Amino acid sequence: MTTESIDRFLDHLWLTDGLSANTLAAYRRDLAKMQKQLQSEDCALESASHAQLQQALLASIEHEKPATRARQLSCLRRYYQYLLGTKQRNDDPSLHLDNPRLGQRLPKTLSEGQVELLLQAPDVETPLGLRDRAMFEVLYATGLRVSELVGLTLQQLDMVTGLIITRG
């Protein structure tokens, strides 16, 4: 029954949300993995309790990254919401499962050599190249976000003091 239930769920997502083939394949893998984990405890995915789901998710802590576990939990929540909405269940066992803690990702930085190559890339003999070089210089010198840079107005530039005033 579980494979059929997963197939119907994925068909529903494809029809209603238009999810990509890659997303649907990831959801299928996540649900199949959870189904296998639960079957080892003589439980079906459709009828799993909150405690059984929690135990199955805890079993993956050692070998799954937090981002992967967060995606799996998101998939499970959608699956049980689907079962609830189609009256195949009258409760949602995933409702109070805790999200894994995701560390903040630090932005990737460029090496000094990469920055030099980037600054030398625009053709400063053309107006667009000169503009691009100036934008790269401002980004490098100030640490502005690209969205802040492209949203700058003349009122935010103080040419006398050489300051840019922006709020992010």
N, C-alpha and C. Protein backbone atom coordinates (compact mmCIF):
# COMPACT_ATOMS: atom_id res chain seq x y z
N MET A 1 0.82 -1.20 0.00
CA MET A 1 0.00 0.00 0.00
C MET A 1 0.86 1.26 0.00
N THR A 2 2.00 1.23 0.69
CA THR A 2 2.80 2.43 0.85
C THR A 2 3.31 2.96 -0.48
N THR A 3 3.79 2.08 -1.35
CA THR A 3 4.31 2.54 -2.64
C THR A 3 3.21 3.22 -3.44
N GLU A 4 2.01 2.65 -3.41
CA GLU A 4 0.88 3.27 -4.12
C GLU A 4 0.56 4.62 -3.51
N SER A 5 0.59 4.71 -2.21
CA SER A 5 0.31 5.97 -1.51
C SER A 5 1.34 7.03 -1.88
N ILE A 6 2.60 6.64 -1.94
CA ILE A 6 3.66 7.57 -2.32
C ILE A 6 3.46 8.02 -3.76
N ASP A 7 3.13 7.08 -4.66
CA ASP A 7 2.89 7.42 -6.06
C ASP A 7 1.75 8.43 -6.19
N ARG A 8 0.66 8.19 -5.47
CA ARG A 8 -0.47 9.12 -5.53
C ARG A 8 -0.09 10.50 -4.99
N PHE A 9 0.68 10.51 -3.91
CA PHE A 9 1.15 11.76 -3.32
C PHE A 9 2.00 12.54 -4.32
N LEU A 10 2.94 11.86 -4.95
CA LEU A 10 3.82 12.53 -5.91
C LEU A 10 3.06 13.01 -7.14
N ASP A 11 2.09 12.21 -7.59
CA ASP A 11 1.23 12.65 -8.70
C ASP A 11 0.47 13.91 -8.31
N HIS A 12 -0.03 13.93 -7.08
CA HIS A 12 -0.76 15.10 -6.57
C HIS A 12 0.15 16.33 -6.58
N LEU A 13 1.39 16.19 -6.10
CA LEU A 13 2.32 17.31 -6.08
C LEU A 13 2.64 17.79 -7.50
N TRP A 14 2.81 16.86 -8.40
CA TRP A 14 3.12 17.21 -9.77
C TRP A 14 1.97 17.98 -10.41
N LEU A 15 0.75 17.51 -10.15
CA LEU A 15 -0.42 18.17 -10.74
C LEU A 15 -0.73 19.51 -10.09
N THR A 16 -0.66 19.59 -8.78
CA THR A 16 -1.08 20.82 -8.10
C THR A 16 0.03 21.86 -7.97
N ASP A 17 1.25 21.42 -7.72
CA ASP A 17 2.34 22.37 -7.48
C ASP A 17 3.31 22.47 -8.65
N GLY A 18 3.22 21.54 -9.59
CA GLY A 18 4.11 21.57 -10.74
C GLY A 18 5.58 21.41 -10.37
N LEU A 19 5.85 20.57 -9.35
CA LEU A 19 7.23 20.39 -8.91
C LEU A 19 8.07 19.74 -10.01
N SER A 20 9.34 20.07 -10.02
CA SER A 20 10.25 19.52 -11.04
C SER A 20 10.46 18.03 -10.83
N ALA A 21 10.94 17.40 -11.86
CA ALA A 21 11.23 15.96 -11.80
C ALA A 21 12.29 15.67 -10.74
N ASN A 22 13.27 16.56 -10.60
CA ASN A 22 14.33 16.35 -9.60
C ASN A 22 13.76 16.41 -8.18
N THR A 23 12.87 17.37 -7.93
CA THR A 23 12.27 17.49 -6.60
C THR A 23 11.42 16.28 -6.29
N LEU A 24 10.63 15.85 -7.26
CA LEU A 24 9.79 14.67 -7.07
C LEU A 24 10.64 13.42 -6.82
N ALA A 25 11.76 13.31 -7.53
CA ALA A 25 12.65 12.16 -7.33
C ALA A 25 13.26 12.20 -5.92
N ALA A 26 13.62 13.40 -5.46
CA ALA A 26 14.18 13.53 -4.10
C ALA A 26 13.12 13.15 -3.06
N TYR A 27 11.89 13.60 -3.27
CA TYR A 27 10.80 13.25 -2.36
C TYR A 27 10.58 11.73 -2.35
N ARG A 28 10.63 11.12 -3.53
CA ARG A 28 10.44 9.67 -3.61
C ARG A 28 11.54 8.95 -2.82
N ARG A 29 12.79 9.39 -2.98
CA ARG A 29 13.89 8.77 -2.24
C ARG A 29 13.71 8.95 -0.73
N ASP A 30 13.34 10.17 -0.33
CA ASP A 30 13.16 10.44 1.10
C ASP A 30 12.07 9.57 1.71
N LEU A 31 10.94 9.47 1.00
CA LEU A 31 9.83 8.67 1.52
C LEU A 31 10.16 7.18 1.50
N ALA A 32 10.85 6.72 0.47
CA ALA A 32 11.24 5.31 0.40
C ALA A 32 12.21 4.96 1.53
N LYS A 33 13.12 5.88 1.80
CA LYS A 33 14.08 5.67 2.88
C LYS A 33 13.36 5.60 4.23
N MET A 34 12.41 6.50 4.44
CA MET A 34 11.66 6.50 5.70
C MET A 34 10.80 5.24 5.79
N GLN A 35 10.21 4.85 4.67
CA GLN A 35 9.40 3.63 4.64
C GLN A 35 10.25 2.42 5.04
N LYS A 36 11.46 2.34 4.49
CA LYS A 36 12.34 1.22 4.81
C LYS A 36 12.73 1.24 6.29
N GLN A 37 13.02 2.42 6.80
CA GLN A 37 13.39 2.56 8.22
C GLN A 37 12.23 2.11 9.11
N LEU A 38 11.03 2.53 8.78
CA LEU A 38 9.86 2.18 9.59
C LEU A 38 9.52 0.70 9.47
N GLN A 39 9.70 0.13 8.27
CA GLN A 39 9.41 -1.29 8.08
C GLN A 39 10.32 -2.16 8.93
N SER A 40 11.53 -1.68 9.20
CA SER A 40 12.43 -2.45 10.06
C SER A 40 11.90 -2.50 11.49
N GLU A 41 10.95 -1.63 11.81
CA GLU A 41 10.31 -1.62 13.13
C GLU A 41 8.85 -2.11 13.03
N ASP A 42 8.54 -2.84 11.95
CA ASP A 42 7.20 -3.38 11.70
C ASP A 42 6.12 -2.29 11.70
N CYS A 43 6.39 -1.22 10.98
CA CYS A 43 5.44 -0.12 10.90
C CYS A 43 5.37 0.36 9.45
N ALA A 44 4.19 0.77 9.02
CA ALA A 44 4.02 1.32 7.67
C ALA A 44 4.10 2.84 7.73
N LEU A 45 4.56 3.42 6.66
CA LEU A 45 4.69 4.88 6.59
C LEU A 45 3.36 5.58 6.82
N GLU A 46 2.29 5.04 6.21
CA GLU A 46 0.98 5.69 6.33
C GLU A 46 0.45 5.70 7.76
N SER A 47 0.82 4.68 8.53
CA SER A 47 0.24 4.55 9.87
C SER A 47 1.22 4.88 10.99
N ALA A 48 2.36 5.45 10.67
CA ALA A 48 3.38 5.73 11.68
C ALA A 48 2.88 6.74 12.70
N SER A 49 3.32 6.56 13.92
CA SER A 49 2.98 7.51 14.99
C SER A 49 4.06 8.58 15.08
N HIS A 50 3.77 9.60 15.86
CA HIS A 50 4.75 10.66 16.08
C HIS A 50 6.04 10.08 16.65
N ALA A 51 5.93 9.21 17.64
CA ALA A 51 7.11 8.63 18.28
C ALA A 51 7.92 7.78 17.30
N GLN A 52 7.23 7.02 16.45
CA GLN A 52 7.93 6.19 15.47
C GLN A 52 8.67 7.04 14.44
N LEU A 53 8.04 8.13 14.00
CA LEU A 53 8.71 9.03 13.07
C LEU A 53 9.92 9.68 13.72
N GLN A 54 9.74 10.11 14.95
CA GLN A 54 10.84 10.75 15.66
C GLN A 54 12.02 9.79 15.81
N GLN A 55 11.73 8.56 16.14
CA GLN A 55 12.78 7.54 16.29
C GLN A 55 13.48 7.29 14.96
N ALA A 56 12.72 7.20 13.88
CA ALA A 56 13.30 6.96 12.56
C ALA A 56 14.18 8.13 12.13
N LEU A 57 13.74 9.35 12.42
CA LEU A 57 14.54 10.52 12.07
C LEU A 57 15.81 10.60 12.92
N LEU A 58 15.71 10.22 14.18
CA LEU A 58 16.89 10.23 15.04
C LEU A 58 17.94 9.23 14.56
N ALA A 59 17.49 8.16 13.95
CA ALA A 59 18.42 7.14 13.46
C ALA A 59 19.31 7.67 12.34
N SER A 60 18.88 8.73 11.68
CA SER A 60 19.66 9.26 10.55
C SER A 60 20.62 10.38 10.96
N ILE A 61 20.62 10.76 12.23
CA ILE A 61 21.44 11.88 12.68
C ILE A 61 22.93 11.64 12.41
N GLU A 62 23.38 10.43 12.61
CA GLU A 62 24.81 10.13 12.48
C GLU A 62 25.32 10.22 11.05
N HIS A 63 24.48 9.89 10.07
CA HIS A 63 24.98 9.81 8.70
C HIS A 63 24.30 10.76 7.72
N GLU A 64 23.45 11.65 8.18
CA GLU A 64 22.81 12.63 7.30
C GLU A 64 23.16 14.04 7.75
N LYS A 65 23.37 14.92 6.81
CA LYS A 65 23.63 16.33 7.13
C LYS A 65 22.33 16.98 7.59
N PRO A 66 22.42 18.03 8.40
CA PRO A 66 21.21 18.71 8.86
C PRO A 66 20.32 19.20 7.72
N ALA A 67 20.90 19.69 6.65
CA ALA A 67 20.10 20.17 5.52
C ALA A 67 19.31 19.03 4.88
N THR A 68 19.92 17.86 4.80
CA THR A 68 19.24 16.68 4.24
C THR A 68 18.09 16.27 5.15
N ARG A 69 18.36 16.26 6.47
CA ARG A 69 17.31 15.88 7.41
C ARG A 69 16.16 16.90 7.38
N ALA A 70 16.48 18.17 7.19
CA ALA A 70 15.44 19.21 7.10
C ALA A 70 14.57 18.98 5.86
N ARG A 71 15.21 18.63 4.73
CA ARG A 71 14.45 18.34 3.51
C ARG A 71 13.57 17.12 3.70
N GLN A 72 14.10 16.09 4.36
CA GLN A 72 13.32 14.88 4.60
C GLN A 72 12.11 15.18 5.48
N LEU A 73 12.32 15.99 6.49
CA LEU A 73 11.22 16.36 7.38
C LEU A 73 10.17 17.17 6.64
N SER A 74 10.60 18.07 5.79
CA SER A 74 9.67 18.86 4.98
C SER A 74 8.83 17.95 4.09
N CYS A 75 9.48 16.97 3.50
CA CYS A 75 8.79 16.00 2.65
C CYS A 75 7.77 15.21 3.46
N LEU A 76 8.17 14.75 4.64
CA LEU A 76 7.24 14.00 5.49
C LEU A 76 6.04 14.85 5.88
N ARG A 77 6.28 16.09 6.21
CA ARG A 77 5.17 16.97 6.59
C ARG A 77 4.18 17.14 5.44
N ARG A 78 4.71 17.32 4.24
CA ARG A 78 3.81 17.44 3.08
C ARG A 78 3.04 16.14 2.84
N TYR A 79 3.71 15.03 3.03
CA TYR A 79 3.07 13.73 2.83
C TYR A 79 1.92 13.54 3.81
N TYR A 80 2.17 13.82 5.08
CA TYR A 80 1.10 13.63 6.06
C TYR A 80 0.00 14.68 5.92
N GLN A 81 0.31 15.86 5.46
CA GLN A 81 -0.73 16.85 5.17
C GLN A 81 -1.61 16.35 4.01
N TYR A 82 -0.97 15.72 3.03
CA TYR A 82 -1.72 15.13 1.91
C TYR A 82 -2.64 14.02 2.42
N LEU A 83 -2.12 13.13 3.26
CA LEU A 83 -2.94 12.04 3.80
C LEU A 83 -4.10 12.60 4.63
N LEU A 84 -3.84 13.63 5.37
CA LEU A 84 -4.88 14.29 6.17
C LEU A 84 -5.93 14.92 5.26
N GLY A 85 -5.48 15.61 4.24
CA GLY A 85 -6.39 16.29 3.31
C GLY A 85 -7.25 15.34 2.49
N THR A 86 -6.72 14.14 2.22
CA THR A 86 -7.47 13.15 1.44
C THR A 86 -8.19 12.16 2.35
N LYS A 87 -8.23 12.47 3.63
CA LYS A 87 -8.95 11.68 4.64
C LYS A 87 -8.43 10.25 4.76
N GLN A 88 -7.14 10.06 4.46
CA GLN A 88 -6.52 8.76 4.66
C GLN A 88 -5.99 8.64 6.08
N ARG A 89 -5.88 9.78 6.75
CA ARG A 89 -5.50 9.84 8.16
C ARG A 89 -6.33 10.93 8.81
N ASN A 90 -6.51 10.83 10.12
CA ASN A 90 -7.24 11.88 10.82
C ASN A 90 -6.34 12.67 11.76
N ASP A 91 -5.01 12.45 11.64
CA ASP A 91 -4.06 13.22 12.42
C ASP A 91 -2.78 13.38 11.61
N ASP A 92 -1.90 14.26 12.08
CA ASP A 92 -0.62 14.48 11.41
C ASP A 92 0.50 14.18 12.41
N PRO A 93 1.12 13.01 12.29
CA PRO A 93 2.17 12.64 13.26
C PRO A 93 3.45 13.47 13.11
N SER A 94 3.57 14.19 12.02
CA SER A 94 4.78 14.99 11.80
C SER A 94 4.66 16.40 12.36
N LEU A 95 3.49 16.71 12.90
CA LEU A 95 3.18 18.08 13.29
C LEU A 95 4.17 18.68 14.27
N HIS A 96 4.56 17.98 15.29
CA HIS A 96 5.42 18.54 16.32
C HIS A 96 6.85 18.00 16.29
N LEU A 97 7.27 17.51 15.14
CA LEU A 97 8.66 17.07 15.01
C LEU A 97 9.56 18.30 14.91
N ASP A 98 10.68 18.27 15.60
CA ASP A 98 11.59 19.41 15.61
C ASP A 98 12.45 19.43 14.35
N ASN A 99 12.63 20.64 13.83
CA ASN A 99 13.55 20.83 12.70
C ASN A 99 14.98 20.70 13.19
N PRO A 100 15.85 20.11 12.36
CA PRO A 100 17.26 20.06 12.75
C PRO A 100 17.84 21.48 12.73
N ARG A 101 18.79 21.71 13.58
CA ARG A 101 19.44 23.02 13.61
C ARG A 101 20.39 23.12 12.41
N LEU A 102 20.15 24.17 11.63
CA LEU A 102 21.01 24.41 10.47
C LEU A 102 21.96 25.55 10.82
N GLY A 103 23.24 25.31 10.67
CA GLY A 103 24.21 26.38 10.90
C GLY A 103 24.10 27.42 9.80
N GLN A 104 24.47 28.64 10.14
CA GLN A 104 24.45 29.68 9.12
C GLN A 104 25.58 29.43 8.14
N ARG A 105 25.25 29.54 6.89
CA ARG A 105 26.27 29.37 5.86
C ARG A 105 26.99 30.70 5.69
N LEU A 106 28.30 30.60 5.66
CA LEU A 106 29.09 31.80 5.42
C LEU A 106 29.21 32.02 3.92
N PRO A 107 29.24 33.28 3.52
CA PRO A 107 29.38 33.54 2.08
C PRO A 107 30.75 33.07 1.58
N LYS A 108 30.79 32.64 0.35
CA LYS A 108 32.06 32.24 -0.24
C LYS A 108 32.84 33.51 -0.59
N THR A 109 34.13 33.46 -0.38
CA THR A 109 34.96 34.63 -0.67
C THR A 109 35.89 34.33 -1.83
N LEU A 110 36.35 35.39 -2.47
CA LEU A 110 37.28 35.27 -3.58
C LEU A 110 38.70 35.47 -3.06
N SER A 111 39.64 34.82 -3.71
CA SER A 111 41.04 35.05 -3.37
C SER A 111 41.45 36.40 -3.95
N GLU A 112 42.60 36.89 -3.50
CA GLU A 112 43.09 38.18 -4.00
C GLU A 112 43.32 38.11 -5.52
N GLY A 113 43.84 36.99 -5.97
CA GLY A 113 44.06 36.81 -7.41
C GLY A 113 42.76 36.82 -8.20
N GLN A 114 41.73 36.17 -7.66
CA GLN A 114 40.43 36.16 -8.33
C GLN A 114 39.84 37.57 -8.40
N VAL A 115 40.03 38.34 -7.32
CA VAL A 115 39.53 39.72 -7.31
C VAL A 115 40.25 40.54 -8.37
N GLU A 116 41.56 40.37 -8.47
CA GLU A 116 42.33 41.11 -9.49
C GLU A 116 41.85 40.76 -10.89
N LEU A 117 41.62 39.48 -11.15
CA LEU A 117 41.11 39.07 -12.47
C LEU A 117 39.74 39.68 -12.74
N LEU A 118 38.90 39.71 -11.72
CA LEU A 118 37.56 40.27 -11.87
C LEU A 118 37.63 41.77 -12.18
N LEU A 119 38.50 42.47 -11.48
CA LEU A 119 38.63 43.92 -11.69
C LEU A 119 39.21 44.24 -13.06
N GLN A 120 40.03 43.36 -13.59
CA GLN A 120 40.65 43.58 -14.90
C GLN A 120 39.75 43.15 -16.06
N ALA A 121 38.67 42.41 -15.78
CA ALA A 121 37.83 41.83 -16.83
C ALA A 121 37.09 42.87 -17.69
N PRO A 122 36.50 43.92 -17.11
CA PRO A 122 35.75 44.86 -17.97
C PRO A 122 36.67 45.66 -18.89
N ASP A 123 36.18 45.94 -20.08
CA ASP A 123 36.90 46.76 -21.06
C ASP A 123 36.61 48.22 -20.72
N VAL A 124 37.56 48.89 -20.07
CA VAL A 124 37.33 50.26 -19.61
C VAL A 124 37.36 51.28 -20.74
N GLU A 125 37.57 50.83 -21.97
CA GLU A 125 37.53 51.72 -23.13
C GLU A 125 36.10 51.95 -23.61
N THR A 126 35.16 51.18 -23.07
CA THR A 126 33.75 51.34 -23.45
C THR A 126 32.97 51.86 -22.24
N PRO A 127 31.88 52.58 -22.47
CA PRO A 127 31.09 53.10 -21.34
C PRO A 127 30.58 51.99 -20.42
N LEU A 128 30.09 50.88 -20.98
CA LEU A 128 29.61 49.78 -20.15
C LEU A 128 30.74 49.12 -19.37
N GLY A 129 31.87 48.99 -19.99
CA GLY A 129 33.02 48.41 -19.31
C GLY A 129 33.49 49.28 -18.16
N LEU A 130 33.48 50.59 -18.39
CA LEU A 130 33.86 51.53 -17.33
C LEU A 130 32.87 51.46 -16.16
N ARG A 131 31.59 51.36 -16.50
CA ARG A 131 30.56 51.22 -15.46
C ARG A 131 30.76 49.93 -14.67
N ASP A 132 30.99 48.83 -15.39
CA ASP A 132 31.17 47.54 -14.72
C ASP A 132 32.40 47.57 -13.80
N ARG A 133 33.49 48.18 -14.27
CA ARG A 133 34.70 48.27 -13.45
C ARG A 133 34.41 49.08 -12.19
N ALA A 134 33.69 50.19 -12.33
CA ALA A 134 33.34 51.02 -11.17
C ALA A 134 32.47 50.23 -10.20
N MET A 135 31.53 49.44 -10.71
CA MET A 135 30.66 48.64 -9.84
C MET A 135 31.48 47.59 -9.09
N PHE A 136 32.41 46.93 -9.78
CA PHE A 136 33.26 45.94 -9.11
C PHE A 136 34.10 46.59 -8.02
N GLU A 137 34.65 47.77 -8.34
CA GLU A 137 35.47 48.48 -7.36
C GLU A 137 34.65 48.84 -6.12
N VAL A 138 33.42 49.33 -6.34
CA VAL A 138 32.56 49.70 -5.21
C VAL A 138 32.21 48.46 -4.39
N LEU A 139 31.87 47.38 -5.04
CA LEU A 139 31.56 46.15 -4.31
C LEU A 139 32.75 45.70 -3.46
N TYR A 140 33.92 45.71 -4.08
CA TYR A 140 35.12 45.24 -3.38
C TYR A 140 35.50 46.16 -2.23
N ALA A 141 35.37 47.46 -2.43
CA ALA A 141 35.80 48.43 -1.42
C ALA A 141 34.82 48.56 -0.26
N THR A 142 33.54 48.32 -0.52
CA THR A 142 32.53 48.60 0.50
C THR A 142 31.92 47.37 1.14
N GLY A 143 31.87 46.26 0.43
CA GLY A 143 31.20 45.09 0.97
C GLY A 143 29.70 45.14 0.80
N LEU A 144 29.22 46.06 -0.05
CA LEU A 144 27.78 46.13 -0.32
C LEU A 144 27.30 44.82 -0.93
N ARG A 145 26.05 44.52 -0.73
CA ARG A 145 25.42 43.42 -1.46
C ARG A 145 25.13 43.91 -2.88
N VAL A 146 25.07 43.00 -3.82
CA VAL A 146 24.78 43.38 -5.21
C VAL A 146 23.43 44.10 -5.29
N SER A 147 22.44 43.60 -4.54
CA SER A 147 21.12 44.24 -4.57
C SER A 147 21.18 45.67 -4.04
N GLU A 148 22.04 45.92 -3.06
CA GLU A 148 22.20 47.28 -2.54
C GLU A 148 22.90 48.16 -3.57
N LEU A 149 23.90 47.61 -4.25
CA LEU A 149 24.63 48.37 -5.27
C LEU A 149 23.73 48.79 -6.42
N VAL A 150 22.98 47.83 -6.96
CA VAL A 150 22.16 48.17 -8.13
C VAL A 150 20.96 49.04 -7.75
N GLY A 151 20.63 49.11 -6.46
CA GLY A 151 19.53 49.96 -6.01
C GLY A 151 19.96 51.34 -5.56
N LEU A 152 21.27 51.63 -5.64
CA LEU A 152 21.75 52.94 -5.21
C LEU A 152 21.14 54.06 -6.05
N THR A 153 20.85 55.16 -5.38
CA THR A 153 20.37 56.36 -6.07
C THR A 153 21.39 57.47 -5.86
N LEU A 154 21.28 58.53 -6.65
CA LEU A 154 22.21 59.65 -6.51
C LEU A 154 22.12 60.30 -5.14
N GLN A 155 20.95 60.24 -4.53
CA GLN A 155 20.78 60.83 -3.19
C GLN A 155 21.59 60.08 -2.14
N GLN A 156 21.96 58.85 -2.40
CA GLN A 156 22.73 58.06 -1.44
C GLN A 156 24.23 58.28 -1.58
N LEU A 157 24.64 59.02 -2.60
CA LEU A 157 26.07 59.27 -2.82
C LEU A 157 26.41 60.68 -2.35
N ASP A 158 27.44 60.77 -1.52
CA ASP A 158 27.94 62.07 -1.09
C ASP A 158 29.34 62.22 -1.69
N MET A 159 29.40 62.93 -2.81
CA MET A 159 30.65 63.05 -3.55
C MET A 159 31.68 63.91 -2.80
N VAL A 160 31.23 64.81 -1.93
CA VAL A 160 32.13 65.67 -1.18
C VAL A 160 32.92 64.85 -0.16
N THR A 161 32.21 64.04 0.62
CA THR A 161 32.88 63.24 1.66
C THR A 161 33.32 61.87 1.15
N GLY A 162 32.85 61.48 -0.03
CA GLY A 162 33.20 60.18 -0.57
C GLY A 162 32.50 59.03 0.12
N LEU A 163 31.27 59.30 0.59
CA LEU A 163 30.51 58.28 1.31
C LEU A 163 29.31 57.81 0.51
N ILE A 164 28.96 56.57 0.75
CA ILE A 164 27.72 56.00 0.24
C ILE A 164 26.87 55.72 1.45
N ILE A 165 25.64 56.20 1.44
CA ILE A 165 24.73 55.97 2.56
C ILE A 165 23.67 54.97 2.10
N THR A 166 23.70 53.80 2.72
CA THR A 166 22.71 52.77 2.37
C THR A 166 22.21 52.11 3.63
N ARG A 167 21.01 51.64 3.56
CA ARG A 167 20.43 50.91 4.67
C ARG A 167 20.02 49.53 4.15
N GLY A 168 20.41 48.50 4.90
CA GLY A 168 20.11 47.15 4.43
C GLY A 168 19.32 46.40 5.45
